N, C-alpha and C. Protein backbone atom coordinates (compact mmCIF):
# COMPACT_ATOMS: atom_id res chain seq x y z
N UNK A 1 11.51 -29.63 9.98
CA UNK A 1 10.79 -28.64 9.96
C UNK A 1 9.50 -28.74 9.26
N UNK A 2 8.10 -28.98 9.82
CA UNK A 2 7.17 -29.09 9.08
C UNK A 2 6.70 -27.84 8.96
N UNK A 3 7.07 -26.67 8.57
CA UNK A 3 6.52 -25.33 8.45
C UNK A 3 6.31 -24.57 7.25
N UNK A 4 5.28 -24.10 7.03
CA UNK A 4 5.34 -23.32 5.43
C UNK A 4 4.48 -21.85 6.10
N UNK A 5 4.91 -20.83 4.95
CA UNK A 5 4.77 -19.36 5.04
C UNK A 5 3.50 -19.36 4.20
N UNK A 6 2.83 -18.11 4.81
CA UNK A 6 1.38 -18.02 3.76
C UNK A 6 1.45 -16.48 3.66
N UNK A 7 1.28 -16.23 2.72
CA UNK A 7 1.34 -14.36 2.42
C UNK A 7 -0.17 -13.94 1.82
N UNK A 8 -0.61 -12.99 2.53
CA UNK A 8 -1.56 -12.43 2.08
C UNK A 8 -1.91 -10.80 1.99
N UNK A 9 -2.75 -10.43 1.39
CA UNK A 9 -2.59 -9.07 1.52
C UNK A 9 -3.47 -8.63 2.88
N UNK A 10 -3.51 -7.30 3.22
CA UNK A 10 -4.50 -6.92 4.61
C UNK A 10 -5.65 -7.18 3.70
N UNK A 11 -5.93 -7.13 2.96
CA UNK A 11 -7.90 -7.14 2.40
C UNK A 11 -8.21 -8.34 2.53
N UNK A 12 -7.41 -9.57 2.16
CA UNK A 12 -7.64 -10.78 2.12
C UNK A 12 -7.82 -11.10 3.55
N UNK A 13 -6.98 -10.60 4.40
CA UNK A 13 -6.87 -10.82 6.25
C UNK A 13 -8.13 -10.38 6.32
N UNK A 14 -8.72 -9.22 6.13
CA UNK A 14 -9.96 -8.61 6.48
C UNK A 14 -10.95 -9.60 6.24
N UNK A 15 -11.16 -10.22 4.84
CA UNK A 15 -12.02 -10.93 4.19
C UNK A 15 -12.03 -12.11 5.35
N UNK A 16 -11.21 -12.34 5.49
CA UNK A 16 -11.03 -13.70 6.29
C UNK A 16 -11.87 -13.74 7.82
N UNK A 17 -11.21 -12.32 8.23
CA UNK A 17 -12.00 -12.15 9.78
C UNK A 17 -13.48 -12.00 9.70
N UNK A 18 -13.84 -11.46 8.27
CA UNK A 18 -15.38 -10.80 8.44
C UNK A 18 -15.86 -12.43 7.62
N UNK A 19 -15.51 -13.42 7.52
CA UNK A 19 -16.29 -14.34 7.28
C UNK A 19 -16.34 -14.33 5.36
N UNK A 20 -15.65 -13.11 4.69
CA UNK A 20 -16.36 -13.30 3.34
C UNK A 20 -15.05 -13.57 2.70
N UNK A 21 -14.43 -14.62 2.91
CA UNK A 21 -13.35 -15.08 2.20
C UNK A 21 -13.74 -16.12 0.67
N UNK A 22 -14.41 -15.39 0.24
CA UNK A 22 -14.96 -15.93 -1.04
C UNK A 22 -13.78 -15.94 -2.22
N UNK A 23 -12.55 -15.24 -1.99
CA UNK A 23 -11.43 -15.20 -3.23
C UNK A 23 -10.31 -16.15 -2.75
N UNK A 24 -10.57 -16.65 -1.55
CA UNK A 24 -9.52 -17.71 -1.03
C UNK A 24 -9.95 -19.04 -0.36
N UNK A 25 -9.72 -19.99 -1.08
CA UNK A 25 -10.03 -21.47 -0.22
C UNK A 25 -8.85 -21.89 0.57
N UNK A 26 -9.23 -22.56 1.73
CA UNK A 26 -8.22 -23.13 2.41
C UNK A 26 -7.98 -24.71 2.12
N UNK A 27 -6.81 -25.08 1.69
CA UNK A 27 -6.56 -26.54 1.38
C UNK A 27 -5.45 -26.83 2.63
N UNK A 28 -5.34 -25.99 3.69
CA UNK A 28 -4.68 -26.32 4.66
C UNK A 28 -5.14 -27.81 5.58
N UNK A 29 -4.09 -28.54 5.91
CA UNK A 29 -4.35 -29.81 6.68
C UNK A 29 -5.17 -29.44 7.93
N UNK A 30 -6.21 -30.12 8.37
CA UNK A 30 -6.60 -30.10 9.59
C UNK A 30 -5.94 -29.67 10.99
N UNK A 31 -4.88 -30.37 10.93
CA UNK A 31 -3.93 -29.96 12.20
C UNK A 31 -3.01 -28.67 11.90
N UNK A 32 -3.19 -27.90 11.08
CA UNK A 32 -2.39 -26.71 11.08
C UNK A 32 -2.51 -25.80 12.59
N UNK A 33 -1.36 -25.30 12.77
CA UNK A 33 -1.07 -24.55 14.11
C UNK A 33 -0.55 -23.03 13.64
N UNK A 34 -1.07 -22.03 13.78
CA UNK A 34 -0.38 -20.71 13.62
C UNK A 34 0.35 -20.87 14.26
N UNK A 35 1.94 -20.26 14.01
CA UNK A 35 2.79 -20.14 15.07
C UNK A 35 3.26 -18.52 15.05
N UNK A 36 3.13 -17.70 13.96
CA UNK A 36 3.50 -16.52 13.97
C UNK A 36 2.69 -15.79 12.87
N UNK A 37 2.47 -14.61 12.86
CA UNK A 37 1.93 -13.37 12.13
C UNK A 37 2.50 -12.31 12.02
N UNK A 38 3.05 -11.73 11.23
CA UNK A 38 3.54 -10.26 11.14
C UNK A 38 2.82 -9.66 9.81
N UNK A 39 2.71 -8.32 9.98
CA UNK A 39 2.30 -7.67 8.92
C UNK A 39 3.11 -6.71 8.50
N UNK A 40 3.90 -6.30 7.55
CA UNK A 40 4.43 -5.38 6.75
C UNK A 40 3.61 -4.31 6.41
N UNK A 41 3.54 -3.12 6.84
CA UNK A 41 2.80 -1.81 6.40
C UNK A 41 3.28 -1.26 5.07
N UNK A 42 4.53 -1.58 4.88
CA UNK A 42 5.26 -0.98 3.49
C UNK A 42 5.08 -1.57 2.37
N UNK A 43 5.04 -2.84 2.51
CA UNK A 43 4.78 -4.15 1.47
C UNK A 43 3.65 -4.28 1.41
N UNK A 44 2.58 -3.86 2.20
CA UNK A 44 1.41 -4.28 2.36
C UNK A 44 0.96 -5.84 2.15
N UNK A 45 1.51 -6.60 3.28
CA UNK A 45 1.69 -8.11 2.97
C UNK A 45 1.60 -8.38 4.54
N UNK A 46 0.70 -9.76 4.63
CA UNK A 46 0.30 -10.21 5.87
C UNK A 46 1.21 -11.69 5.92
N UNK A 47 2.15 -11.91 6.79
CA UNK A 47 2.86 -13.05 6.61
C UNK A 47 2.83 -13.95 7.56
N UNK A 48 2.16 -15.18 7.52
CA UNK A 48 1.88 -16.30 8.65
C UNK A 48 2.92 -17.48 8.45
N UNK A 49 3.03 -17.98 9.60
CA UNK A 49 3.87 -19.30 9.61
C UNK A 49 3.14 -20.17 10.26
N UNK A 50 2.96 -21.41 9.70
CA UNK A 50 2.01 -22.27 10.02
C UNK A 50 2.88 -23.73 10.24
N UNK A 51 2.43 -24.71 11.13
CA UNK A 51 2.85 -25.97 10.93
C UNK A 51 1.77 -26.73 10.76
N UNK A 52 2.35 -27.95 10.24
CA UNK A 52 1.26 -29.19 10.20
C UNK A 52 2.13 -30.46 9.97
N UNK A 53 1.77 -31.50 10.60
CA UNK A 53 2.30 -32.86 10.19
C UNK A 53 2.14 -33.49 9.00
N UNK A 54 1.17 -32.84 8.44
CA UNK A 54 0.71 -32.97 6.82
C UNK A 54 1.71 -32.59 5.73
N UNK A 55 2.83 -31.61 6.24
CA UNK A 55 3.78 -30.68 5.63
C UNK A 55 4.92 -31.64 5.36
N UNK A 56 5.45 -31.63 4.38
CA UNK A 56 6.72 -32.27 3.82
C UNK A 56 7.60 -32.06 4.75
N UNK A 57 8.62 -32.91 5.26
CA UNK A 57 9.94 -32.03 6.14
C UNK A 57 10.99 -31.10 5.28
N UNK A 58 11.53 -30.36 5.94
CA UNK A 58 12.19 -29.66 5.23
C UNK A 58 13.26 -29.70 6.61
N UNK A 59 14.54 -29.63 5.91
CA UNK A 59 15.77 -29.31 6.71
C UNK A 59 15.77 -27.91 7.16
N UNK A 60 16.23 -28.20 8.75
CA UNK A 60 16.63 -26.69 9.34
C UNK A 60 17.24 -25.54 8.63
N UNK A 61 18.36 -26.23 8.05
CA UNK A 61 19.25 -25.16 7.40
C UNK A 61 18.55 -24.75 6.15
N UNK A 62 17.69 -24.98 5.53
CA UNK A 62 16.72 -24.36 4.43
C UNK A 62 15.63 -23.59 4.65
N UNK A 63 15.54 -22.45 3.93
CA UNK A 63 14.68 -21.39 4.28
C UNK A 63 13.10 -22.11 4.30
N UNK A 64 12.10 -21.34 5.00
CA UNK A 64 10.68 -22.05 5.29
C UNK A 64 10.09 -21.83 3.84
N UNK A 65 9.21 -23.07 3.12
CA UNK A 65 8.92 -22.72 1.81
C UNK A 65 7.59 -22.20 2.00
N UNK A 66 7.14 -21.29 0.98
CA UNK A 66 5.98 -20.70 0.87
C UNK A 66 4.45 -21.98 0.65
N UNK A 67 3.54 -21.75 1.35
CA UNK A 67 2.22 -22.73 1.47
C UNK A 67 1.57 -21.81 -0.21
N UNK A 68 1.19 -22.89 -0.98
CA UNK A 68 0.40 -22.32 -1.82
C UNK A 68 -1.32 -22.56 -1.89
N UNK A 69 -2.09 -21.58 -1.78
CA UNK A 69 -3.43 -22.01 -1.05
C UNK A 69 -4.25 -22.20 -2.75
N UNK A 70 -5.24 -22.75 -2.06
CA UNK A 70 -6.36 -23.11 -3.22
C UNK A 70 -7.17 -21.82 -3.34
N UNK A 71 -7.31 -21.42 -4.79
CA UNK A 71 -7.99 -20.24 -5.03
C UNK A 71 -9.35 -20.71 -5.62
N UNK A 72 -10.52 -20.23 -5.37
CA UNK A 72 -11.60 -20.59 -5.83
C UNK A 72 -11.74 -19.93 -7.05
N UNK A 73 -12.48 -20.43 -7.93
CA UNK A 73 -12.74 -20.41 -9.12
C UNK A 73 -14.12 -20.42 -10.14
N UNK A 74 -14.77 -19.66 -10.46
CA UNK A 74 -15.88 -19.63 -11.24
C UNK A 74 -15.95 -20.53 -12.07
N UNK A 75 -17.07 -21.61 -11.91
CA UNK A 75 -17.31 -22.31 -13.17
C UNK A 75 -18.54 -22.43 -13.47
N UNK A 76 -18.91 -22.31 -14.90
CA UNK A 76 -20.16 -22.15 -15.63
C UNK A 76 -21.37 -23.23 -15.27
N UNK A 77 -22.40 -23.63 -14.89
CA UNK A 77 -23.06 -24.38 -14.58
C UNK A 77 -23.24 -25.27 -15.80
N UNK A 78 -23.96 -26.44 -15.94
CA UNK A 78 -24.41 -27.02 -17.10
C UNK A 78 -25.60 -26.62 -17.61
N UNK A 79 -25.71 -26.84 -18.99
CA UNK A 79 -27.27 -26.26 -19.36
C UNK A 79 -28.52 -26.71 -18.64
N UNK A 80 -29.44 -25.97 -18.50
CA UNK A 80 -30.73 -26.05 -17.71
C UNK A 80 -31.30 -27.30 -18.14
N UNK A 81 -31.04 -27.77 -19.18
CA UNK A 81 -32.15 -28.71 -19.44
C UNK A 81 -31.51 -30.15 -19.06
N UNK A 82 -30.08 -30.24 -18.37
CA UNK A 82 -29.70 -31.26 -18.07
C UNK A 82 -29.57 -31.40 -16.63
N UNK A 83 -30.15 -30.31 -15.77
CA UNK A 83 -29.82 -30.29 -14.42
C UNK A 83 -31.66 -29.82 -13.77
N UNK A 84 -31.81 -30.20 -12.66
CA UNK A 84 -32.94 -30.08 -11.88
C UNK A 84 -33.36 -28.73 -12.13
N UNK A 85 -34.38 -28.17 -12.06
CA UNK A 85 -35.13 -26.97 -11.86
C UNK A 85 -34.41 -26.00 -10.69
N UNK A 86 -34.58 -26.76 -9.51
CA UNK A 86 -34.18 -25.97 -8.52
C UNK A 86 -32.65 -25.88 -8.54
N UNK A 87 -32.04 -26.57 -8.96
CA UNK A 87 -30.60 -26.33 -9.14
C UNK A 87 -30.25 -24.94 -10.37
N UNK A 88 -31.36 -25.04 -11.30
CA UNK A 88 -31.09 -24.07 -12.22
C UNK A 88 -30.81 -22.49 -11.88
N UNK A 89 -31.26 -22.40 -10.68
CA UNK A 89 -31.67 -20.81 -10.36
C UNK A 89 -29.96 -20.55 -9.81
N UNK A 90 -29.32 -21.73 -9.53
CA UNK A 90 -27.79 -21.07 -8.99
C UNK A 90 -26.92 -20.48 -10.23
N UNK A 91 -26.44 -19.35 -9.92
CA UNK A 91 -25.82 -18.68 -10.95
C UNK A 91 -24.28 -19.53 -11.39
N UNK A 92 -23.84 -20.03 -10.35
CA UNK A 92 -22.39 -20.59 -10.63
C UNK A 92 -21.98 -21.59 -9.69
N UNK A 93 -21.01 -22.34 -9.76
CA UNK A 93 -20.70 -23.16 -8.77
C UNK A 93 -19.18 -22.96 -8.45
N UNK A 94 -18.68 -23.10 -7.34
CA UNK A 94 -17.30 -22.97 -7.10
C UNK A 94 -16.71 -23.92 -6.62
N UNK A 95 -15.34 -23.79 -7.52
CA UNK A 95 -14.57 -25.41 -7.36
C UNK A 95 -13.30 -24.98 -6.82
N UNK A 96 -12.41 -25.67 -6.14
CA UNK A 96 -11.30 -25.02 -5.60
C UNK A 96 -10.41 -25.59 -6.65
N UNK A 97 -9.51 -24.71 -7.16
CA UNK A 97 -8.46 -24.94 -8.21
C UNK A 97 -7.06 -24.31 -7.24
N UNK A 98 -5.97 -25.20 -7.58
CA UNK A 98 -4.45 -24.97 -6.95
C UNK A 98 -3.82 -24.07 -8.06
N UNK A 99 -3.44 -22.93 -7.43
CA UNK A 99 -2.62 -22.10 -8.24
C UNK A 99 -1.14 -22.20 -8.20
N UNK A 100 -0.15 -22.49 -9.02
CA UNK A 100 1.30 -22.52 -8.87
C UNK A 100 1.61 -21.58 -8.28
N UNK A 101 1.10 -20.24 -8.31
CA UNK A 101 1.84 -18.89 -8.13
C UNK A 101 1.30 -18.30 -6.91
N UNK A 102 2.21 -17.50 -5.90
CA UNK A 102 1.61 -16.88 -4.99
C UNK A 102 0.61 -16.07 -4.82
N UNK A 103 -0.51 -16.14 -4.07
CA UNK A 103 -1.67 -14.93 -4.09
C UNK A 103 -1.57 -13.76 -4.17
N UNK A 104 -0.44 -13.41 -3.39
CA UNK A 104 -0.24 -11.95 -3.15
C UNK A 104 1.05 -11.59 -4.37
N UNK A 105 0.55 -10.72 -4.76
CA UNK A 105 1.61 -10.36 -5.82
C UNK A 105 2.35 -9.01 -5.33
N UNK A 106 3.38 -8.61 -5.87
CA UNK A 106 4.38 -7.74 -5.39
C UNK A 106 3.74 -6.32 -5.45
N UNK A 107 4.02 -5.31 -4.65
CA UNK A 107 2.95 -4.28 -4.77
C UNK A 107 3.42 -3.51 -6.04
N UNK A 108 2.65 -3.01 -6.47
CA UNK A 108 2.46 -2.48 -7.76
C UNK A 108 3.06 -0.67 -7.74
N UNK A 109 2.52 -0.11 -6.37
CA UNK A 109 2.56 1.10 -6.15
C UNK A 109 3.47 1.42 -5.11
N UNK A 110 4.19 2.46 -5.20
CA UNK A 110 5.17 2.87 -4.08
C UNK A 110 4.58 2.86 -2.81
N UNK A 111 5.71 2.70 -1.55
CA UNK A 111 4.87 3.15 -0.57
C UNK A 111 4.29 4.48 -0.35
N UNK A 112 3.57 4.45 0.95
CA UNK A 112 2.94 5.94 1.12
C UNK A 112 3.81 7.18 1.11
N UNK A 113 5.14 7.11 1.60
CA UNK A 113 6.07 8.19 1.86
C UNK A 113 7.42 7.31 1.20
N UNK A 114 8.15 7.87 0.33
CA UNK A 114 9.23 7.40 -0.33
C UNK A 114 10.19 7.86 0.53
N UNK A 115 10.21 8.71 1.50
CA UNK A 115 10.97 9.21 2.71
C UNK A 115 11.11 8.18 3.91
N UNK A 116 10.05 7.75 4.12
CA UNK A 116 9.64 6.67 5.16
C UNK A 116 9.97 5.37 4.51
N UNK A 117 9.94 4.89 3.56
CA UNK A 117 10.62 3.57 2.80
C UNK A 117 12.14 3.88 2.66
N UNK A 118 12.49 5.08 2.45
CA UNK A 118 14.26 5.06 2.25
C UNK A 118 14.75 4.95 3.79
N UNK A 119 14.07 5.37 4.75
CA UNK A 119 14.14 5.18 6.37
C UNK A 119 14.52 3.89 6.70
N UNK A 120 13.45 3.15 6.17
CA UNK A 120 13.21 1.76 6.63
C UNK A 120 14.86 1.01 5.95
N UNK A 121 15.16 1.41 4.77
CA UNK A 121 16.27 0.69 4.15
C UNK A 121 17.47 1.17 4.90
N UNK A 122 17.60 2.02 5.70
CA UNK A 122 18.75 2.46 6.38
C UNK A 122 19.22 1.17 7.54
N UNK A 123 18.10 0.44 7.54
CA UNK A 123 18.59 -0.40 8.68
C UNK A 123 18.91 -1.64 8.01
N UNK A 124 19.91 -2.69 8.49
CA UNK A 124 19.94 -3.89 7.74
C UNK A 124 18.79 -4.89 7.71
N UNK A 125 18.89 -5.96 6.83
CA UNK A 125 17.77 -6.67 7.12
C UNK A 125 17.35 -7.88 8.26
N UNK A 126 18.46 -7.87 9.06
CA UNK A 126 18.41 -8.40 10.06
C UNK A 126 17.62 -7.56 11.47
N UNK A 127 18.05 -6.51 11.35
CA UNK A 127 17.50 -5.29 11.95
C UNK A 127 16.19 -5.04 11.56
N UNK A 128 15.73 -5.21 10.43
CA UNK A 128 14.24 -4.81 10.00
C UNK A 128 13.72 -5.95 10.33
N UNK A 129 14.23 -7.21 10.32
CA UNK A 129 13.15 -8.39 11.09
C UNK A 129 12.64 -8.02 12.42
N UNK A 130 13.81 -7.21 13.15
CA UNK A 130 13.21 -7.00 14.62
C UNK A 130 12.36 -5.96 14.95
N UNK A 131 12.16 -4.95 13.88
CA UNK A 131 11.42 -3.78 13.85
C UNK A 131 10.22 -3.54 13.24
N UNK A 132 9.04 -3.25 13.75
CA UNK A 132 7.76 -2.79 13.03
C UNK A 132 8.02 -1.46 12.66
N UNK A 133 7.41 -0.80 11.75
CA UNK A 133 7.50 0.59 10.83
C UNK A 133 6.21 0.95 10.58
N UNK A 134 5.56 2.32 11.39
CA UNK A 134 4.41 2.56 11.22
C UNK A 134 4.48 4.26 10.82
N UNK A 135 3.68 4.53 9.88
CA UNK A 135 3.57 5.92 9.46
C UNK A 135 2.50 6.60 10.24
N UNK A 136 2.61 7.61 11.21
CA UNK A 136 1.71 8.15 12.02
C UNK A 136 1.93 9.72 11.57
N UNK A 137 1.14 10.47 10.97
CA UNK A 137 1.21 11.56 10.88
C UNK A 137 2.54 12.19 10.27
N UNK A 138 3.04 13.17 10.94
CA UNK A 138 4.53 13.21 10.23
C UNK A 138 5.83 12.69 10.77
N UNK A 139 5.69 11.59 11.65
CA UNK A 139 6.71 10.70 12.07
C UNK A 139 6.64 9.31 11.44
N UNK A 140 7.73 8.45 11.51
CA UNK A 140 7.62 7.24 11.35
C UNK A 140 7.96 6.37 12.76
N UNK A 141 7.25 5.61 13.37
CA UNK A 141 7.34 5.06 14.68
C UNK A 141 7.88 3.57 14.32
N UNK A 142 8.85 3.63 15.10
CA UNK A 142 9.83 2.38 15.03
C UNK A 142 9.57 1.44 16.34
N UNK A 143 9.03 0.13 16.09
CA UNK A 143 8.71 -0.47 17.44
C UNK A 143 9.44 -1.87 17.30
N UNK A 144 10.06 -1.95 18.44
CA UNK A 144 10.67 -3.43 18.55
C UNK A 144 9.88 -4.33 18.56
N UNK A 145 9.95 -5.38 18.00
CA UNK A 145 8.95 -6.60 18.07
C UNK A 145 9.30 -7.72 18.65
N UNK A 146 10.60 -7.75 19.52
CA UNK A 146 11.11 -8.52 20.46
C UNK A 146 12.08 -7.84 21.22
N UNK A 147 12.27 -8.34 22.35
CA UNK A 147 13.27 -7.66 23.35
C UNK A 147 14.58 -7.69 22.56
N UNK A 148 15.31 -6.44 22.38
CA UNK A 148 16.63 -6.15 21.86
C UNK A 148 17.46 -6.20 22.65
N UNK A 149 18.38 -6.91 22.53
CA UNK A 149 19.88 -6.92 23.26
C UNK A 149 20.65 -6.06 23.04
N UNK A 150 21.91 -6.68 22.41
CA UNK A 150 23.02 -5.86 21.80
C UNK A 150 22.64 -5.09 20.23
N UNK A 151 21.60 -5.35 19.87
CA UNK A 151 21.05 -4.66 18.60
C UNK A 151 20.84 -3.38 18.96
N UNK A 152 19.85 -2.90 20.21
CA UNK A 152 19.40 -1.51 20.41
C UNK A 152 20.49 -0.74 20.19
N UNK A 153 21.76 -0.51 20.90
CA UNK A 153 22.68 0.32 20.48
C UNK A 153 22.78 0.82 19.09
N UNK A 154 22.93 -0.14 18.28
CA UNK A 154 23.14 0.18 16.71
C UNK A 154 21.64 0.83 16.09
N UNK A 155 20.68 0.08 16.67
CA UNK A 155 19.38 0.64 16.20
C UNK A 155 19.19 1.99 16.59
N UNK A 156 19.62 2.32 17.88
CA UNK A 156 19.46 3.59 18.32
C UNK A 156 20.32 4.73 17.69
N UNK A 157 21.56 4.26 17.34
CA UNK A 157 22.19 5.07 16.75
C UNK A 157 21.95 5.53 15.13
N UNK A 158 21.23 4.50 14.54
CA UNK A 158 20.85 4.88 13.11
C UNK A 158 19.40 5.61 13.45
N UNK A 159 18.91 5.56 14.28
CA UNK A 159 17.58 6.14 14.37
C UNK A 159 18.24 7.72 14.77
N UNK A 160 18.91 7.75 15.50
CA UNK A 160 19.53 9.41 15.80
C UNK A 160 20.30 10.14 14.72
N UNK A 161 20.86 9.18 13.83
CA UNK A 161 21.49 9.84 12.55
C UNK A 161 20.38 10.48 11.87
N UNK A 162 18.99 9.68 11.96
CA UNK A 162 17.96 9.99 10.72
C UNK A 162 17.16 11.21 11.28
N UNK A 163 18.08 11.44 12.83
CA UNK A 163 16.70 12.74 13.42
C UNK A 163 16.03 12.14 14.42
N UNK A 164 15.86 11.15 14.85
CA UNK A 164 14.73 10.42 15.45
C UNK A 164 15.23 10.25 16.85
N UNK A 165 14.49 9.91 17.95
CA UNK A 165 14.63 9.95 19.61
C UNK A 165 13.98 8.74 20.27
N UNK A 166 14.27 7.78 21.14
CA UNK A 166 13.97 7.15 21.65
C UNK A 166 12.41 7.67 22.36
N UNK A 167 11.25 6.82 22.74
CA UNK A 167 10.08 7.34 23.37
C UNK A 167 9.94 6.53 24.67
N UNK A 168 10.13 6.78 25.89
CA UNK A 168 10.16 5.71 26.94
C UNK A 168 8.82 5.70 27.42
N UNK A 169 7.79 4.62 27.48
CA UNK A 169 6.63 4.56 27.77
C UNK A 169 6.42 3.77 28.80
N UNK A 170 5.19 3.80 29.69
CA UNK A 170 5.06 3.00 30.62
C UNK A 170 5.05 1.74 30.57
N UNK A 171 4.52 1.23 29.59
CA UNK A 171 4.05 -0.31 28.50
C UNK A 171 4.92 -0.36 27.34
N UNK A 172 4.93 0.33 26.39
CA UNK A 172 5.39 0.39 25.09
C UNK A 172 6.56 1.28 24.97
N UNK A 173 7.54 1.07 24.57
CA UNK A 173 8.58 2.29 24.04
C UNK A 173 8.88 2.06 22.88
N UNK A 174 9.51 3.26 22.27
CA UNK A 174 9.47 2.96 20.70
C UNK A 174 10.41 4.11 20.17
N UNK A 175 10.69 4.30 18.90
CA UNK A 175 11.51 5.40 18.35
C UNK A 175 10.74 6.34 17.81
N UNK A 176 10.73 7.56 17.46
CA UNK A 176 9.94 8.20 16.35
C UNK A 176 10.87 8.96 15.49
N UNK A 177 10.82 9.07 14.25
CA UNK A 177 11.91 9.63 13.35
C UNK A 177 10.88 10.51 12.23
N UNK A 178 11.07 12.09 12.58
CA UNK A 178 10.39 12.97 12.05
C UNK A 178 10.51 12.80 10.12
N UNK A 179 9.43 12.78 9.61
CA UNK A 179 9.45 13.04 8.06
C UNK A 179 9.92 14.65 7.62
N UNK A 180 10.88 14.82 6.95
CA UNK A 180 11.69 15.94 6.54
C UNK A 180 11.03 16.33 5.16
């Protein structure tokens, strides 16, 4: 497998979309393909799975390693006497520096609602991978991220034990769990 995981905050992704990614430099190979993207609202983290022939091959039974991005770091310009006058007006030059730790720190603050986070913990890790959790007003909306086969019954039972219900829509169906 020539895959890597990239973890960013929603703010960093917004900066990338706005073209203001001054805090993030990309040292990704030219042939990089985006395979999957997922946002975890409770952890405030965006996870992307990318593939490139330039990545070291990892055995399929191993977890996908994290890709460590380059981060731009301010470097002081040389003294004005040794540089050209037109270059002296630049306040700083940017140089990519590879960091050894991930760019996304662990969230320091608790989630928006402790009760909502406790609800998410009622599901097994395997079930959480199949679901997305969104806090809307006084309910937590739990949506499947893929077609659920045998897992649907188990998840529905957990949601009902939390006081929730299945909401069947024309296009999108989901569970609603009221905050108590």
